N, C-alpha and C. Protein backbone atom coordinates (compact mmCIF):
# COMPACT_ATOMS: atom_id res chain seq x y z
N MET A 1 7.29 20.63 -20.09
CA MET A 1 7.77 20.07 -19.06
C MET A 1 7.07 19.59 -17.57
N ILE A 2 6.81 18.82 -16.84
CA ILE A 2 6.27 18.44 -15.57
C ILE A 2 6.80 19.26 -14.24
N ASP A 3 6.27 20.06 -13.41
CA ASP A 3 6.72 20.70 -12.59
C ASP A 3 6.55 19.84 -11.45
N TYR A 4 7.07 19.39 -11.41
CA TYR A 4 7.04 18.10 -9.65
C TYR A 4 6.91 18.59 -8.84
N ARG A 5 7.60 19.38 -8.31
CA ARG A 5 7.81 20.21 -7.25
C ARG A 5 6.95 21.01 -6.96
N GLN A 6 6.22 21.70 -7.76
CA GLN A 6 4.78 22.00 -7.89
C GLN A 6 3.93 21.62 -7.32
N GLN A 7 3.76 20.23 -8.68
CA GLN A 7 2.64 19.40 -7.79
C GLN A 7 2.28 18.72 -6.57
N LEU A 8 3.93 18.17 -6.16
CA LEU A 8 3.93 18.11 -4.99
C LEU A 8 3.35 18.99 -3.55
N LEU A 9 3.80 20.07 -3.90
CA LEU A 9 3.45 21.21 -3.17
C LEU A 9 1.82 21.57 -3.03
N ASP A 10 1.59 21.24 -3.97
CA ASP A 10 0.16 21.49 -4.31
C ASP A 10 -1.27 20.50 -3.16
N ARG A 11 -0.30 18.97 -3.87
CA ARG A 11 -0.48 17.93 -3.00
C ARG A 11 -0.67 17.79 -1.22
N LEU A 12 0.29 18.63 -1.13
CA LEU A 12 1.00 18.78 0.56
C LEU A 12 -0.15 19.43 0.84
N HIS A 13 -0.36 20.73 0.53
CA HIS A 13 -0.96 21.95 0.81
C HIS A 13 -2.74 21.56 1.03
N GLN A 14 -2.84 20.81 0.15
CA GLN A 14 -4.35 20.93 -0.51
C GLN A 14 -4.86 19.05 0.28
N ARG A 15 -3.49 18.75 1.21
CA ARG A 15 -4.07 17.01 2.49
C ARG A 15 -4.32 15.99 1.40
N THR A 16 -3.91 15.91 0.28
CA THR A 16 -4.74 15.37 -0.78
C THR A 16 -3.28 13.85 -0.90
N ALA A 17 -2.33 14.43 -0.30
CA ALA A 17 -0.85 13.79 -1.02
C ALA A 17 -0.80 12.51 0.15
N LYS A 18 -0.64 11.49 -0.68
CA LYS A 18 -0.62 9.89 0.22
C LYS A 18 0.82 9.61 0.58
N ILE A 19 1.08 9.33 1.99
CA ILE A 19 2.08 9.34 2.48
C ILE A 19 2.78 7.68 3.06
N GLY A 20 3.47 7.16 2.82
CA GLY A 20 4.18 5.95 2.89
C GLY A 20 4.94 6.12 4.91
N VAL A 21 4.72 5.32 5.52
CA VAL A 21 6.09 5.12 6.26
C VAL A 21 6.42 3.73 6.94
N ILE A 22 7.30 3.67 6.45
CA ILE A 22 7.96 2.54 6.73
C ILE A 22 8.49 1.93 8.08
N GLY A 23 8.45 1.23 8.45
CA GLY A 23 8.69 0.75 9.96
C GLY A 23 7.47 1.32 11.00
N MET A 24 6.79 0.36 11.67
CA MET A 24 5.56 0.88 12.63
C MET A 24 6.08 0.69 14.32
N GLY A 25 7.03 1.29 14.80
CA GLY A 25 7.46 1.14 16.07
C GLY A 25 7.45 2.32 16.74
N TYR A 26 7.70 2.61 17.46
CA TYR A 26 7.90 3.89 18.35
C TYR A 26 8.00 5.60 17.51
N VAL A 27 8.96 5.24 16.85
CA VAL A 27 8.92 6.17 15.37
C VAL A 27 7.89 6.62 14.62
N GLY A 28 7.97 5.52 13.52
CA GLY A 28 7.00 5.42 12.82
C GLY A 28 5.71 5.66 13.05
N LEU A 29 4.80 5.71 14.35
CA LEU A 29 3.52 4.82 14.83
C LEU A 29 2.98 6.31 14.93
N PRO A 30 3.52 6.68 16.04
CA PRO A 30 3.43 8.36 16.02
C PRO A 30 3.46 9.14 14.97
N LEU A 31 4.37 9.14 14.01
CA LEU A 31 4.46 9.94 13.05
C LEU A 31 3.00 9.89 12.22
N ALA A 32 3.21 8.64 11.86
CA ALA A 32 1.76 8.07 10.60
C ALA A 32 0.96 8.47 11.47
N VAL A 33 0.64 8.87 12.84
CA VAL A 33 -0.44 8.74 13.31
C VAL A 33 -1.20 10.78 13.33
N GLU A 34 0.23 11.38 13.58
CA GLU A 34 0.18 12.72 13.07
C GLU A 34 -0.42 13.13 11.67
N PHE A 35 0.24 12.34 10.73
CA PHE A 35 0.08 13.08 9.30
C PHE A 35 -1.21 12.48 9.07
N ALA A 36 -1.42 11.13 9.57
CA ALA A 36 -3.49 10.77 9.56
C ALA A 36 -4.46 11.95 10.01
N SER A 37 -3.71 12.69 11.26
CA SER A 37 -4.60 13.28 12.07
C SER A 37 -5.01 14.50 11.25
N VAL A 38 -4.22 15.25 10.48
CA VAL A 38 -4.36 16.24 9.78
C VAL A 38 -4.86 16.27 8.52
N GLY A 39 -5.38 15.10 8.15
CA GLY A 39 -5.83 14.49 6.80
C GLY A 39 -5.18 13.95 5.66
N TYR A 40 -4.31 13.41 5.87
CA TYR A 40 -3.39 12.82 5.17
C TYR A 40 -3.58 11.53 4.87
N HIS A 41 -3.97 10.56 3.60
CA HIS A 41 -3.84 9.39 3.41
C HIS A 41 -2.92 8.61 4.19
N VAL A 42 -2.52 8.18 5.01
CA VAL A 42 -0.70 6.88 5.11
C VAL A 42 -1.05 6.03 4.97
N VAL A 43 -0.09 4.88 4.80
CA VAL A 43 -0.14 3.50 4.60
C VAL A 43 1.57 3.33 5.12
N GLY A 44 1.38 2.98 6.56
CA GLY A 44 2.61 2.46 7.38
C GLY A 44 2.63 0.79 6.80
N LEU A 45 4.22 0.64 7.19
CA LEU A 45 4.66 -0.67 6.35
C LEU A 45 5.42 -1.38 7.44
N ASP A 46 5.49 -1.95 7.81
CA ASP A 46 5.90 -2.94 8.51
C ASP A 46 6.57 -4.41 8.35
N VAL A 47 7.37 -4.91 8.59
CA VAL A 47 7.36 -6.39 8.42
C VAL A 47 7.09 -7.06 8.78
N LEU A 48 6.63 -6.96 10.36
CA LEU A 48 5.79 -8.20 11.00
C LEU A 48 4.69 -8.33 10.77
N PRO A 49 3.62 -9.01 10.64
CA PRO A 49 2.38 -9.28 10.25
C PRO A 49 1.51 -9.17 11.41
N ASP A 50 2.34 -9.50 12.49
CA ASP A 50 1.23 -9.06 13.76
C ASP A 50 1.13 -7.52 14.08
N LYS A 51 2.27 -6.65 13.74
CA LYS A 51 1.67 -5.50 14.03
C LYS A 51 0.89 -4.82 12.97
N VAL A 52 0.95 -5.50 11.48
CA VAL A 52 0.01 -4.81 10.78
C VAL A 52 -1.28 -5.11 10.74
N ALA A 53 -1.96 -6.83 11.11
CA ALA A 53 -3.12 -6.87 11.65
C ALA A 53 -3.53 -6.15 13.03
N LYS A 54 -2.79 -5.24 13.93
CA LYS A 54 -3.08 -5.00 14.88
C LYS A 54 -3.70 -3.80 14.56
N LEU A 55 -2.49 -3.39 13.79
CA LEU A 55 -2.87 -1.37 13.16
C LEU A 55 -4.48 -1.74 12.01
N ASN A 56 -4.32 -2.22 11.01
CA ASN A 56 -5.43 -2.45 10.37
C ASN A 56 -7.29 -2.34 11.24
N ALA A 57 -6.77 -3.26 12.59
CA ALA A 57 -7.82 -3.11 13.39
C ALA A 57 -8.05 -2.26 14.19
N GLY A 58 -7.10 -1.42 14.02
CA GLY A 58 -7.04 -0.08 15.04
C GLY A 58 -6.62 -0.18 16.11
N VAL A 59 -6.05 -1.26 16.64
CA VAL A 59 -5.29 -1.52 18.10
C VAL A 59 -3.92 -0.94 18.20
N SER A 60 -4.11 -0.38 19.09
CA SER A 60 -1.92 -0.17 19.17
C SER A 60 -1.56 -0.84 20.46
N TYR A 61 -0.33 -0.98 20.28
CA TYR A 61 0.89 -1.95 20.78
C TYR A 61 1.86 -1.07 21.18
N ILE A 62 1.91 0.18 21.56
CA ILE A 62 3.02 0.97 21.61
C ILE A 62 1.77 1.89 23.14
N PRO A 63 2.41 2.32 24.39
CA PRO A 63 2.09 3.47 25.19
C PRO A 63 1.83 4.42 24.61
N ASP A 64 2.85 5.29 23.48
CA ASP A 64 2.79 6.95 23.08
C ASP A 64 1.60 7.19 22.16
N VAL A 65 1.14 6.02 21.70
CA VAL A 65 -0.24 6.39 21.13
C VAL A 65 -1.77 5.13 21.20
N ALA A 66 -2.66 6.23 21.70
CA ALA A 66 -3.50 5.38 22.18
C ALA A 66 -4.58 4.59 21.68
N THR A 67 -4.98 4.06 21.69
CA THR A 67 -6.19 2.85 20.76
C THR A 67 -7.52 3.73 20.09
N GLU A 68 -7.31 4.64 21.20
CA GLU A 68 -8.54 5.77 21.62
C GLU A 68 -8.15 6.46 20.25
N THR A 69 -7.17 7.13 19.48
CA THR A 69 -7.13 8.08 18.51
C THR A 69 -6.47 7.24 17.54
N LEU A 70 -5.85 6.01 17.36
CA LEU A 70 -5.58 4.84 16.65
C LEU A 70 -7.32 4.64 15.52
N ALA A 71 -7.93 4.37 16.57
CA ALA A 71 -8.79 3.80 15.82
C ALA A 71 -9.94 4.31 14.85
N PRO A 72 -10.12 5.53 15.01
CA PRO A 72 -10.92 6.66 14.20
C PRO A 72 -10.02 6.95 13.08
N LEU A 73 -8.84 6.83 13.21
CA LEU A 73 -7.75 7.09 11.89
C LEU A 73 -8.02 5.96 10.67
N VAL A 74 -7.90 4.63 11.48
CA VAL A 74 -8.17 3.16 10.51
C VAL A 74 -9.61 3.33 9.94
N GLU A 75 -10.49 3.78 10.99
CA GLU A 75 -11.98 3.81 10.49
C GLU A 75 -12.45 4.39 9.39
N THR A 76 -11.97 5.68 9.10
CA THR A 76 -12.10 6.34 8.50
C THR A 76 -11.41 6.84 6.86
N GLY A 77 -10.16 5.23 7.11
CA GLY A 77 -9.71 5.23 5.64
C GLY A 77 -8.72 6.15 6.10
N HIS A 78 -8.15 6.99 6.90
CA HIS A 78 -6.86 7.61 7.10
C HIS A 78 -5.61 7.38 7.38
N LEU A 79 -5.61 6.28 7.79
CA LEU A 79 -3.89 4.59 7.72
C LEU A 79 -4.92 3.67 7.63
N SER A 80 -3.80 2.69 7.02
CA SER A 80 -3.86 1.53 7.13
C SER A 80 -1.94 1.22 7.14
N ALA A 81 -2.36 -0.41 6.82
CA ALA A 81 -1.38 -0.64 7.15
C ALA A 81 -0.75 -2.05 6.56
N THR A 82 0.61 -1.91 6.04
CA THR A 82 0.93 -2.99 5.01
C THR A 82 2.17 -4.39 5.35
N CYS A 83 2.48 -5.33 4.23
CA CYS A 83 3.48 -5.81 5.01
C CYS A 83 4.53 -5.37 3.32
N CYS A 84 3.72 -4.98 2.27
CA CYS A 84 4.18 -4.93 1.05
C CYS A 84 4.41 -4.10 0.37
N TYR A 85 6.10 -3.64 0.21
CA TYR A 85 6.45 -2.76 -0.33
C TYR A 85 5.46 -1.68 -1.86
N GLU A 86 4.86 -3.23 -2.43
CA GLU A 86 4.37 -2.82 -3.70
C GLU A 86 2.75 -2.05 -3.04
N ASP A 87 2.42 -1.72 -1.62
CA ASP A 87 1.15 -0.70 -1.45
C ASP A 87 1.57 0.19 -1.76
N LEU A 88 2.42 0.67 -1.75
CA LEU A 88 3.62 2.07 -1.76
C LEU A 88 4.01 2.56 -3.15
N HIS A 89 3.72 1.58 -4.16
CA HIS A 89 3.75 2.40 -5.56
C HIS A 89 3.20 3.77 -6.04
N ASP A 90 2.34 3.91 -5.33
CA ASP A 90 1.45 5.33 -5.37
C ASP A 90 1.11 6.20 -4.07
N VAL A 91 2.57 6.48 -3.68
CA VAL A 91 2.51 6.95 -2.35
C VAL A 91 2.96 8.03 -3.09
N ASP A 92 2.85 9.59 -2.42
CA ASP A 92 3.63 10.99 -3.00
C ASP A 92 4.64 11.10 -1.92
N VAL A 93 5.02 10.45 -1.25
CA VAL A 93 6.01 10.71 -0.24
C VAL A 93 6.43 9.40 1.17
N ILE A 94 7.56 8.89 1.21
CA ILE A 94 8.16 7.20 1.50
C ILE A 94 8.90 8.42 2.85
N SER A 95 8.80 8.09 4.20
CA SER A 95 9.18 8.42 5.57
C SER A 95 10.13 6.93 5.94
N ILE A 96 11.03 7.05 6.29
CA ILE A 96 12.53 5.71 6.54
C ILE A 96 11.92 5.82 8.19
N CYS A 97 11.56 4.89 8.69
CA CYS A 97 11.97 4.97 10.21
C CYS A 97 12.29 3.91 10.72
N VAL A 98 13.01 2.76 10.11
CA VAL A 98 13.42 1.78 10.11
C VAL A 98 14.66 1.60 11.59
N PRO A 99 15.08 0.78 12.86
CA PRO A 99 15.65 0.95 13.38
C PRO A 99 16.97 0.50 13.07
N THR A 100 17.82 1.51 13.88
CA THR A 100 19.26 1.43 13.75
C THR A 100 20.22 0.80 15.31
N PRO A 101 19.43 -0.17 15.44
CA PRO A 101 20.55 -0.87 17.27
C PRO A 101 22.14 -0.29 17.27
N LEU A 102 22.37 -0.60 17.67
CA LEU A 102 23.86 -0.64 17.77
C LEU A 102 24.24 -1.73 17.76
N LEU A 103 25.74 -1.91 16.83
CA LEU A 103 26.32 -3.78 16.92
C LEU A 103 26.96 -3.38 18.37
N LYS A 104 27.79 -4.37 18.59
CA LYS A 104 29.09 -4.37 19.78
C LYS A 104 30.03 -3.51 19.41
N THR A 105 30.35 -3.10 18.10
CA THR A 105 31.27 -2.26 18.37
C THR A 105 30.15 -0.60 18.72
N LYS A 106 29.48 -0.68 18.41
CA LYS A 106 29.03 0.64 19.08
C LYS A 106 28.05 1.46 17.63
N ASP A 107 29.16 1.05 16.75
CA ASP A 107 28.62 1.81 15.16
C ASP A 107 27.11 1.02 15.00
N PRO A 108 26.08 2.25 14.70
CA PRO A 108 24.80 1.81 14.05
C PRO A 108 24.27 0.84 12.77
N ASP A 109 23.77 -0.35 13.43
CA ASP A 109 23.60 -1.22 12.42
C ASP A 109 22.89 -0.28 11.05
N MET A 110 23.42 -0.90 10.39
CA MET A 110 22.32 0.23 9.01
C MET A 110 21.62 -1.13 7.81
N SER A 111 21.87 -2.30 8.42
CA SER A 111 21.03 -3.11 7.51
C SER A 111 19.99 -2.37 6.89
N PHE A 112 19.22 -2.02 8.45
CA PHE A 112 17.82 -2.05 8.02
C PHE A 112 17.84 -0.51 6.51
N VAL A 113 17.64 0.23 7.16
CA VAL A 113 18.04 1.50 6.39
C VAL A 113 18.59 0.81 5.05
N ILE A 114 19.56 -0.02 5.03
CA ILE A 114 20.34 -0.12 3.61
C ILE A 114 18.98 -0.83 2.97
N SER A 115 18.39 -2.32 3.54
CA SER A 115 17.25 -2.70 2.82
C SER A 115 16.45 -1.88 2.55
N ALA A 116 15.79 -1.00 2.92
CA ALA A 116 14.95 -0.32 3.34
C ALA A 116 14.97 0.49 1.63
N ALA A 117 15.80 0.95 1.79
CA ALA A 117 16.53 2.29 0.81
C ALA A 117 16.06 1.45 -0.65
N ASP A 118 17.07 0.16 -0.54
CA ASP A 118 16.77 -1.05 -1.65
C ASP A 118 15.47 -0.70 -2.04
N ASP A 119 14.60 -0.95 -1.46
CA ASP A 119 12.96 -1.45 -1.65
C ASP A 119 12.24 0.10 -2.09
N VAL A 120 12.63 0.74 -1.38
CA VAL A 120 12.32 2.09 -1.94
C VAL A 120 12.27 2.52 -3.49
N ALA A 121 13.75 2.36 -3.57
CA ALA A 121 14.56 2.57 -5.18
C ALA A 121 13.24 1.81 -6.29
N LYS A 122 12.67 0.51 -6.01
CA LYS A 122 11.92 0.41 -6.78
C LYS A 122 10.21 0.27 -6.78
N VAL A 123 10.10 0.74 -5.88
CA VAL A 123 8.67 2.08 -6.07
C VAL A 123 8.62 3.61 -6.38
N CYS A 124 10.41 4.08 -6.02
CA CYS A 124 10.62 5.35 -6.34
C CYS A 124 9.76 6.16 -7.62
N HIS A 125 9.17 6.98 -7.44
CA HIS A 125 8.59 7.54 -8.84
C HIS A 125 9.11 8.91 -9.47
N PRO A 126 8.95 9.41 -10.36
CA PRO A 126 8.95 11.36 -10.54
C PRO A 126 7.87 12.07 -9.63
N GLY A 127 8.70 12.87 -8.34
CA GLY A 127 7.43 13.52 -7.97
C GLY A 127 7.52 13.23 -6.74
N MET A 128 8.26 12.06 -5.84
CA MET A 128 8.05 11.57 -4.76
C MET A 128 9.26 11.93 -4.05
N LEU A 129 8.84 12.74 -2.61
CA LEU A 129 9.56 12.88 -1.96
C LEU A 129 10.09 11.76 -0.66
N VAL A 130 11.03 11.53 -0.62
CA VAL A 130 11.72 10.31 0.01
C VAL A 130 12.81 11.08 1.42
N VAL A 131 12.13 10.59 2.36
CA VAL A 131 12.75 11.02 3.91
C VAL A 131 13.40 10.45 4.57
N LEU A 132 14.57 10.21 4.97
CA LEU A 132 15.02 9.42 6.04
C LEU A 132 15.05 10.14 7.44
N GLU A 133 14.50 9.78 8.48
CA GLU A 133 14.39 9.88 9.88
C GLU A 133 14.81 8.44 11.00
N SER A 134 15.16 7.79 10.62
CA SER A 134 16.04 6.64 11.52
C SER A 134 17.50 7.65 11.80
N THR A 135 17.46 7.27 13.06
CA THR A 135 18.89 7.45 13.93
C THR A 135 19.62 7.26 13.26
N THR A 136 20.93 8.16 12.60
CA THR A 136 21.91 7.58 12.21
C THR A 136 23.19 8.06 11.96
N TYR A 137 24.02 8.67 11.51
CA TYR A 137 25.30 9.36 11.18
C TYR A 137 25.25 9.95 10.40
N PRO A 138 25.77 11.50 10.33
CA PRO A 138 26.15 12.32 9.42
C PRO A 138 26.64 12.07 7.90
N GLY A 139 25.88 11.88 7.04
CA GLY A 139 25.69 11.91 5.46
C GLY A 139 25.22 10.50 4.69
N THR A 140 24.44 9.83 6.17
CA THR A 140 23.87 8.92 5.37
C THR A 140 23.00 9.09 4.35
N THR A 141 22.45 9.91 4.33
CA THR A 141 21.20 10.42 2.97
C THR A 141 21.86 10.61 2.02
N GLU A 142 22.76 11.25 2.15
CA GLU A 142 24.10 11.51 0.79
C GLU A 142 24.57 9.88 0.15
N GLU A 143 25.01 8.46 1.16
CA GLU A 143 25.54 7.52 1.29
C GLU A 143 24.96 6.92 0.75
N VAL A 144 24.01 6.26 0.95
CA VAL A 144 23.18 5.95 1.35
C VAL A 144 21.73 5.49 0.37
N ILE A 145 20.72 6.60 0.36
CA ILE A 145 19.64 6.70 0.17
C ILE A 145 19.84 7.46 -1.29
N MET A 146 20.64 8.79 -1.92
CA MET A 146 21.09 9.00 -3.06
C MET A 146 21.66 8.23 -3.79
N PRO A 147 22.47 7.33 -3.65
CA PRO A 147 22.85 6.54 -4.49
C PRO A 147 21.60 5.31 -5.47
N ARG A 148 20.68 5.00 -4.21
CA ARG A 148 19.70 4.02 -4.76
C ARG A 148 18.83 4.80 -5.98
N LEU A 149 18.38 5.95 -5.33
CA LEU A 149 17.48 6.46 -6.39
C LEU A 149 17.99 7.41 -7.38
N PHE A 150 19.74 7.43 -7.92
CA PHE A 150 20.46 8.02 -8.87
C PHE A 150 20.16 6.52 -9.67
N ASN A 151 20.46 5.44 -9.53
CA ASN A 151 19.53 4.29 -9.95
C ASN A 151 18.95 4.14 -10.97
N ASN A 152 17.84 4.90 -10.78
CA ASN A 152 16.85 5.19 -11.61
C ASN A 152 16.96 6.02 -12.50
N GLY A 153 17.50 6.79 -11.98
CA GLY A 153 17.51 7.57 -13.73
C GLY A 153 17.57 9.29 -13.04
N LEU A 154 16.37 9.02 -12.05
CA LEU A 154 15.83 10.64 -11.50
C LEU A 154 17.06 11.70 -11.26
N THR A 155 16.63 12.78 -11.03
CA THR A 155 17.42 13.98 -10.51
C THR A 155 16.93 14.22 -9.35
N VAL A 156 17.62 14.71 -8.35
CA VAL A 156 17.41 14.94 -6.81
C VAL A 156 17.52 16.63 -6.94
N GLY A 157 16.07 16.76 -6.27
CA GLY A 157 15.93 18.17 -6.94
C GLY A 157 15.12 18.58 -7.82
N LYS A 158 14.60 18.13 -8.57
CA LYS A 158 13.85 18.16 -9.80
C LYS A 158 12.91 16.83 -10.16
N ASP A 159 12.85 16.13 -9.62
CA ASP A 159 11.77 14.49 -10.87
C ASP A 159 11.95 13.91 -8.99
N VAL A 160 12.68 13.58 -8.08
CA VAL A 160 12.17 12.93 -6.96
C VAL A 160 13.16 14.27 -6.04
N PHE A 161 12.70 13.94 -4.17
CA PHE A 161 13.16 14.80 -3.47
C PHE A 161 13.94 14.16 -2.09
N VAL A 162 14.85 14.49 -1.74
CA VAL A 162 15.40 13.46 -0.85
C VAL A 162 15.96 14.65 0.30
N ALA A 163 15.30 14.05 1.72
CA ALA A 163 15.37 14.71 3.02
C ALA A 163 15.84 14.24 4.08
N PHE A 164 16.35 14.87 5.52
CA PHE A 164 16.42 13.87 6.40
C PHE A 164 15.43 15.41 7.52
N SER A 165 14.93 13.61 8.33
CA SER A 165 14.79 14.84 9.43
C SER A 165 14.98 13.88 10.73
N PRO A 166 16.15 13.70 11.50
CA PRO A 166 15.83 13.30 12.18
C PRO A 166 15.05 13.19 13.64
N GLU A 167 14.57 11.34 13.82
CA GLU A 167 13.32 11.39 14.72
C GLU A 167 13.77 12.01 16.22
N ARG A 168 12.88 12.30 16.73
CA ARG A 168 13.30 12.73 17.97
C ARG A 168 12.15 12.22 19.22
N VAL A 169 12.11 10.74 19.06
CA VAL A 169 10.43 10.40 20.02
C VAL A 169 11.70 10.03 21.57
N ASP A 170 10.73 10.44 22.48
CA ASP A 170 11.25 9.89 23.86
C ASP A 170 10.55 8.87 24.34
N PRO A 171 10.22 7.57 23.95
CA PRO A 171 9.20 6.67 24.22
C PRO A 171 8.59 6.46 25.85
N GLY A 172 7.66 7.03 25.72
CA GLY A 172 7.24 6.89 27.06
C GLY A 172 7.43 8.24 27.81
N ASN A 173 7.56 8.87 27.24
CA ASN A 173 8.05 10.59 28.08
C ASN A 173 5.91 11.18 27.94
N PRO A 174 5.43 11.72 29.12
CA PRO A 174 3.75 11.61 28.77
C PRO A 174 4.19 13.28 28.88
N THR A 175 5.65 14.29 28.70
CA THR A 175 5.53 15.64 28.79
C THR A 175 6.11 16.06 27.29
N TYR A 176 7.05 15.40 26.76
CA TYR A 176 7.57 15.74 25.68
C TYR A 176 6.56 14.46 24.01
N GLY A 177 6.41 15.00 22.82
CA GLY A 177 5.90 14.04 21.85
C GLY A 177 6.26 14.41 21.21
N VAL A 178 5.71 13.99 19.92
CA VAL A 178 6.08 14.34 18.49
C VAL A 178 5.37 15.84 18.33
N ARG A 179 4.76 16.83 18.54
CA ARG A 179 3.64 18.07 18.35
C ARG A 179 4.30 18.65 19.09
N ASN A 180 4.99 18.71 20.40
CA ASN A 180 5.98 19.66 21.19
C ASN A 180 7.06 19.51 21.37
N THR A 181 7.95 18.83 20.61
CA THR A 181 9.53 18.87 20.35
C THR A 181 9.41 19.80 19.12
N PRO A 182 10.86 20.15 18.96
CA PRO A 182 11.36 21.02 17.89
C PRO A 182 11.69 19.90 16.66
N LYS A 183 11.52 20.14 15.33
CA LYS A 183 11.40 19.14 14.30
C LYS A 183 12.63 19.70 13.35
N VAL A 184 13.51 19.25 13.15
CA VAL A 184 14.59 19.90 12.43
C VAL A 184 14.50 18.77 10.91
N VAL A 185 14.64 19.70 10.44
CA VAL A 185 14.98 19.35 8.53
C VAL A 185 15.67 20.14 7.75
N GLY A 186 16.37 19.34 6.54
CA GLY A 186 17.25 19.23 6.22
C GLY A 186 17.06 18.68 4.48
N GLY A 187 17.24 19.24 3.71
CA GLY A 187 16.74 19.04 2.27
C GLY A 187 18.38 18.60 0.58
N MET A 188 18.42 18.30 0.42
CA MET A 188 19.75 17.96 -0.29
C MET A 188 19.59 19.01 -1.46
N THR A 189 18.54 19.67 -1.86
CA THR A 189 18.63 20.95 -2.26
C THR A 189 17.22 21.71 -1.79
N PRO A 190 17.16 23.58 -2.13
CA PRO A 190 16.58 23.83 -1.71
C PRO A 190 14.97 23.20 -1.94
N ALA A 191 14.88 22.95 -3.01
CA ALA A 191 13.29 22.26 -3.84
C ALA A 191 13.33 21.03 -2.65
N CYS A 192 14.13 20.42 -2.43
CA CYS A 192 13.96 19.07 -1.15
C CYS A 192 13.39 19.65 -0.04
N LEU A 193 13.91 20.95 0.37
CA LEU A 193 13.69 21.55 1.81
C LEU A 193 12.40 22.32 1.59
N GLU A 194 11.98 22.58 0.43
CA GLU A 194 10.71 23.61 0.88
C GLU A 194 9.65 22.51 0.78
N VAL A 195 9.57 21.09 0.26
CA VAL A 195 8.90 20.37 0.16
C VAL A 195 8.62 19.63 1.81
N ILE A 196 9.82 19.26 1.91
CA ILE A 196 9.59 18.55 3.13
C ILE A 196 9.29 19.70 4.59
N THR A 197 9.70 21.23 4.03
CA THR A 197 9.00 21.86 4.63
C THR A 197 7.63 21.81 5.00
N ALA A 198 6.76 21.70 3.86
CA ALA A 198 5.67 21.48 3.76
C ALA A 198 4.58 20.55 4.16
N LEU A 199 5.54 19.13 4.21
CA LEU A 199 5.17 17.99 4.60
C LEU A 199 4.79 18.39 6.26
N TYR A 200 5.98 18.69 6.96
CA TYR A 200 5.74 18.43 8.47
C TYR A 200 5.49 20.00 9.54
N GLU A 201 5.00 20.75 8.77
CA GLU A 201 4.49 22.26 9.06
C GLU A 201 3.35 21.60 9.99
N PRO A 202 2.47 21.26 9.25
CA PRO A 202 1.06 21.14 9.87
C PRO A 202 0.89 20.01 10.60
N ALA A 203 1.49 18.83 10.72
CA ALA A 203 1.64 17.92 10.91
C ALA A 203 2.54 17.93 12.35
N VAL A 204 3.68 18.27 12.85
CA VAL A 204 4.30 18.35 13.92
C VAL A 204 4.44 19.91 14.26
C-alpha cells in the first residue's frame, strides 16, 4: 500500500515538490514567490493572459513583489505561469488564492472559489494537498472543497490532503508581509495538518 502522506512529506522536506497557486493577485503572487524562493518549483495559474505574460517575462504588476525579486525566480525555472488547469496535473500541492469580493448583501461571492474547486477536482490525484487560502466564511473547506474531491473517490487524509490557511496579506503594508505575519493552518485530519505544516514552515 502506498503511503501518500510520507511521499508528500519527503518531497516537501527535500524541496522537490511542485506547487500550483491559483490566482496570481495580491495574495497568490507573494505566496508563489515565497515558495519559489525556498526552492519549490511553482506554477502560478491565472485566468488573465496579460498577468500570465508579465509573470513569464519576470515582470511584477503589484507593489508587494519587486520585479528584481521575481525575475531571477522565473529565469531559473522556479516560477512560471499559465492559464491552463491541465498544466497543474502533475503538481503535488494546489493553493487556491482566488478573490471573494463582497456582494451587495455583504456576503462573499463564492463563485470564484467554487469554479476553482471544480477545476482542481479534474486534476486532483492521489498524494495531492489542496489548500484554500481565499478569505471566506468558516466551513467553506468542508462544504465547498471536500465534496468535490470526494466525487473522485479519494479519501481525505489518506489519498488526498485538504487544508485551510487564511490569507493575511495587507497589500501595500511596508512593515508586515508574508514572512513576518503569523500563519494559521488547519487540516481536515491530523495527516492533513502535518503536510500543510511541512509546506509552510520553510516558506512563511
